[in-house]
Amino acid sequence: MADPISELRDVVAGTSPAPAEMAPYLEKVRDRAYAVVDRDIDALKEEGFSEDAIFEQTVAVAISQGLRRLDAARSVLDGARARVVRRLSTRRESLEQLRARIQEPGAAVADEPTPD
């Protein structure tokens, strides 16, 4: 089974470039999809674009934006994961140094408190 994210990337890559006249509409889809209204689609139809062409470009831009956001989120998570690993590594080294110091001959080891 193919990776669905890769399939989406392929869909976007395989979409023909949008005509320049669609740029304002596609910018709106990209930045404020919630604001797209029937008037926007009707204006493109009046300019001679078919519903299929409008749909194809709309979906391609929406998928592209979704993938951009997914990539940004993954980048943030990867950075956070790297910081956690570094912190754990530092703490593990500190713990190992403490254990080595305790195991040194003649090292003073504090008595553990006894439960009441």
C-alpha atoms as a PDB file:
ATOM      1  CA  MET A   1       0.000   0.000   0.000  1.00  0.00           C
ATOM      2  CA  ALA A   2       1.364   3.391  -1.010  1.00  0.00           C
ATOM      3  CA  ASP A   3       1.946   6.157   1.500  1.00  0.00           C
ATOM      4  CA  PRO A   4      -1.121   8.447   1.390  1.00  0.00           C
ATOM      5  CA  ILE A   5       0.979  11.561   2.017  1.00  0.00           C
ATOM      6  CA  SER A   6       3.225  10.698  -0.933  1.00  0.00           C
ATOM      7  CA  GLU A   7       0.141  10.158  -3.059  1.00  0.00           C
ATOM      8  CA  LEU A   8      -1.107  13.626  -2.130  1.00  0.00           C
ATOM      9  CA  ARG A   9       2.274  15.129  -3.003  1.00  0.00           C
ATOM     10  CA  ASP A  10       2.087  13.370  -6.376  1.00  0.00           C
ATOM     11  CA  VAL A  11      -1.402  14.789  -6.996  1.00  0.00           C
ATOM     12  CA  VAL A  12      -0.148  18.317  -6.364  1.00  0.00           C
ATOM     13  CA  ALA A  13       2.976  17.792  -8.484  1.00  0.00           C
ATOM     14  CA  GLY A  14       0.895  16.382 -11.334  1.00  0.00           C
ATOM     15  CA  THR A  15      -1.531  19.296 -11.444  1.00  0.00           C
ATOM     16  CA  SER A  16      -1.002  21.664 -14.336  1.00  0.00           C
ATOM     17  CA  PRO A  17       0.043  25.202 -13.396  1.00  0.00           C
ATOM     18  CA  ALA A  18      -2.835  27.544 -12.658  1.00  0.00           C
ATOM     19  CA  PRO A  19      -3.627  30.285 -15.147  1.00  0.00           C
ATOM     20  CA  ALA A  20      -2.573  33.749 -13.961  1.00  0.00           C
ATOM     21  CA  GLU A  21      -6.214  34.894 -13.956  1.00  0.00           C
ATOM     22  CA  MET A  22      -6.921  32.421 -11.137  1.00  0.00           C
ATOM     23  CA  ALA A  23      -4.166  33.787  -8.902  1.00  0.00           C
ATOM     24  CA  PRO A  24      -6.337  36.073  -6.723  1.00  0.00           C
ATOM     25  CA  TYR A  25      -8.889  33.305  -6.174  1.00  0.00           C
ATOM     26  CA  LEU A  26      -6.232  30.686  -5.392  1.00  0.00           C
ATOM     27  CA  GLU A  27      -4.509  33.086  -3.002  1.00  0.00           C
ATOM     28  CA  LYS A  28      -7.827  33.411  -1.203  1.00  0.00           C
ATOM     29  CA  VAL A  29      -8.154  29.611  -1.073  1.00  0.00           C
ATOM     30  CA  ARG A  30      -4.591  29.342   0.224  1.00  0.00           C
ATOM     31  CA  ASP A  31      -4.811  32.040   2.875  1.00  0.00           C
ATOM     32  CA  ARG A  32      -8.500  32.339   3.775  1.00  0.00           C
ATOM     33  CA  ALA A  33     -10.410  29.345   2.436  1.00  0.00           C
ATOM     34  CA  TYR A  34     -13.209  30.082   4.882  1.00  0.00           C
ATOM     35  CA  ALA A  35     -13.897  33.317   2.968  1.00  0.00           C
ATOM     36  CA  VAL A  36     -14.477  31.716  -0.452  1.00  0.00           C
ATOM     37  CA  VAL A  37     -18.059  32.265  -1.565  1.00  0.00           C
ATOM     38  CA  ASP A  38     -20.177  31.359  -4.579  1.00  0.00           C
ATOM     39  CA  ARG A  39     -19.431  34.790  -6.107  1.00  0.00           C
ATOM     40  CA  ASP A  40     -15.757  33.825  -6.363  1.00  0.00           C
ATOM     41  CA  ILE A  41     -16.575  30.686  -8.336  1.00  0.00           C
ATOM     42  CA  ASP A  42     -19.138  32.504 -10.485  1.00  0.00           C
ATOM     43  CA  ALA A  43     -16.557  35.168 -11.379  1.00  0.00           C
ATOM     44  CA  LEU A  44     -14.144  32.467 -12.583  1.00  0.00           C
ATOM     45  CA  LYS A  45     -16.886  30.835 -14.635  1.00  0.00           C
ATOM     46  CA  GLU A  46     -17.639  34.212 -16.217  1.00  0.00           C
ATOM     47  CA  GLU A  47     -13.970  34.449 -17.176  1.00  0.00           C
ATOM     48  CA  GLY A  48     -14.414  31.153 -19.042  1.00  0.00           C
ATOM     49  CA  PHE A  49     -13.074  28.592 -16.582  1.00  0.00           C
ATOM     50  CA  SER A  50     -14.919  25.291 -16.331  1.00  0.00           C
ATOM     51  CA  GLU A  51     -16.079  23.903 -13.013  1.00  0.00           C
ATOM     52  CA  ASP A  52     -13.618  21.034 -13.473  1.00  0.00           C
ATOM     53  CA  ALA A  53     -10.675  23.433 -13.927  1.00  0.00           C
ATOM     54  CA  ILE A  54     -11.732  25.486 -10.904  1.00  0.00           C
ATOM     55  CA  PHE A  55     -12.166  22.347  -8.811  1.00  0.00           C
ATOM     56  CA  GLU A  56      -8.806  20.894  -9.870  1.00  0.00           C
ATOM     57  CA  GLN A  57      -6.894  24.052  -9.007  1.00  0.00           C
ATOM     58  CA  THR A  58      -8.813  24.539  -5.754  1.00  0.00           C
ATOM     59  CA  VAL A  59      -8.069  21.008  -4.586  1.00  0.00           C
ATOM     60  CA  ALA A  60      -4.411  21.260  -5.606  1.00  0.00           C
ATOM     61  CA  VAL A  61      -3.935  24.489  -3.627  1.00  0.00           C
ATOM     62  CA  ALA A  62      -5.816  23.122  -0.606  1.00  0.00           C
ATOM     63  CA  ILE A  63      -3.754  19.922  -0.585  1.00  0.00           C
ATOM     64  CA  SER A  64      -0.549  21.906  -1.038  1.00  0.00           C
ATOM     65  CA  GLN A  65      -1.372  24.118   1.947  1.00  0.00           C
ATOM     66  CA  GLY A  66      -2.298  21.107   4.052  1.00  0.00           C
ATOM     67  CA  LEU A  67       1.012  19.448   3.213  1.00  0.00           C
ATOM     68  CA  ARG A  68       2.916  22.651   3.988  1.00  0.00           C
ATOM     69  CA  ARG A  69       1.278  22.775   7.411  1.00  0.00           C
ATOM     70  CA  LEU A  70       1.921  19.074   7.981  1.00  0.00           C
ATOM     71  CA  ASP A  71       5.599  19.547   7.112  1.00  0.00           C
ATOM     72  CA  ALA A  72       5.831  22.531   9.472  1.00  0.00           C
ATOM     73  CA  ALA A  73       4.240  20.525  12.286  1.00  0.00           C
ATOM     74  CA  ARG A  74       6.579  17.607  11.689  1.00  0.00           C
ATOM     75  CA  SER A  75       9.540  19.971  11.774  1.00  0.00           C
ATOM     76  CA  VAL A  76       8.429  21.359  15.135  1.00  0.00           C
ATOM     77  CA  LEU A  77       7.947  17.840  16.517  1.00  0.00           C
ATOM     78  CA  ASP A  78      11.342  16.710  15.220  1.00  0.00           C
ATOM     79  CA  GLY A  79      12.990  19.704  16.911  1.00  0.00           C
ATOM     80  CA  ALA A  80      11.184  19.002  20.174  1.00  0.00           C
ATOM     81  CA  ARG A  81      12.118  15.324  19.984  1.00  0.00           C
ATOM     82  CA  ALA A  82      15.784  16.241  19.447  1.00  0.00           C
ATOM     83  CA  ARG A  83      15.740  18.573  22.474  1.00  0.00           C
ATOM     84  CA  VAL A  84      14.201  15.861  24.660  1.00  0.00           C
ATOM     85  CA  VAL A  85      16.797  13.323  23.530  1.00  0.00           C
ATOM     86  CA  ARG A  86      19.609  15.794  24.298  1.00  0.00           C
ATOM     87  CA  ARG A  87      18.187  16.482  27.766  1.00  0.00           C
ATOM     88  CA  LEU A  88      17.750  12.801  28.505  1.00  0.00           C
ATOM     89  CA  SER A  89      21.268  12.116  27.294  1.00  0.00           C
ATOM     90  CA  THR A  90      22.654  14.846  29.563  1.00  0.00           C
ATOM     91  CA  ARG A  91      20.694  13.543  32.542  1.00  0.00           C
ATOM     92  CA  ARG A  92      21.758   9.969  31.801  1.00  0.00           C
ATOM     93  CA  GLU A  93      25.406  11.081  31.745  1.00  0.00           C
ATOM     94  CA  SER A  94      24.943  12.908  35.043  1.00  0.00           C
ATOM     95  CA  LEU A  95      23.331   9.846  36.599  1.00  0.00           C
ATOM     96  CA  GLU A  96      26.150   7.629  35.353  1.00  0.00           C
ATOM     97  CA  GLN A  97      28.744  10.031  36.771  1.00  0.00           C
ATOM     98  CA  LEU A  98      26.937  10.008  40.123  1.00  0.00           C
ATOM     99  CA  ARG A  99      26.839   6.190  40.149  1.00  0.00           C
ATOM    100  CA  ALA A 100      30.530   6.011  39.337  1.00  0.00           C
ATOM    101  CA  ARG A 101      31.363   8.452  42.125  1.00  0.00           C
ATOM    102  CA  ILE A 102      29.276   6.469  44.624  1.00  0.00           C
ATOM    103  CA  GLN A 103      30.984   3.239  43.626  1.00  0.00           C
ATOM    104  CA  GLU A 104      34.473   4.682  44.105  1.00  0.00           C
ATOM    105  CA  PRO A 105      36.343   3.125  47.010  1.00  0.00           C
ATOM    106  CA  GLY A 106      36.033   5.275  50.123  1.00  0.00           C
ATOM    107  CA  ALA A 107      33.214   7.368  48.676  1.00  0.00           C
ATOM    108  CA  ALA A 108      30.790   8.606  51.260  1.00  0.00           C
ATOM    109  CA  VAL A 109      27.239   7.481  50.619  1.00  0.00           C
ATOM    110  CA  ALA A 110      24.452   9.130  52.524  1.00  0.00           C
ATOM    111  CA  ASP A 111      22.124   6.810  54.387  1.00  0.00           C
ATOM    112  CA  GLU A 112      18.737   6.529  52.810  1.00  0.00           C
ATOM    113  CA  PRO A 113      15.927   7.725  55.040  1.00  0.00           C
ATOM    114  CA  THR A 114      14.019   4.972  56.748  1.00  0.00           C
ATOM    115  CA  PRO A 115      10.228   4.909  56.502  1.00  0.00           C
ATOM    116  CA  ASP A 116       8.408   5.840  59.681  1.00  0.00           C
END
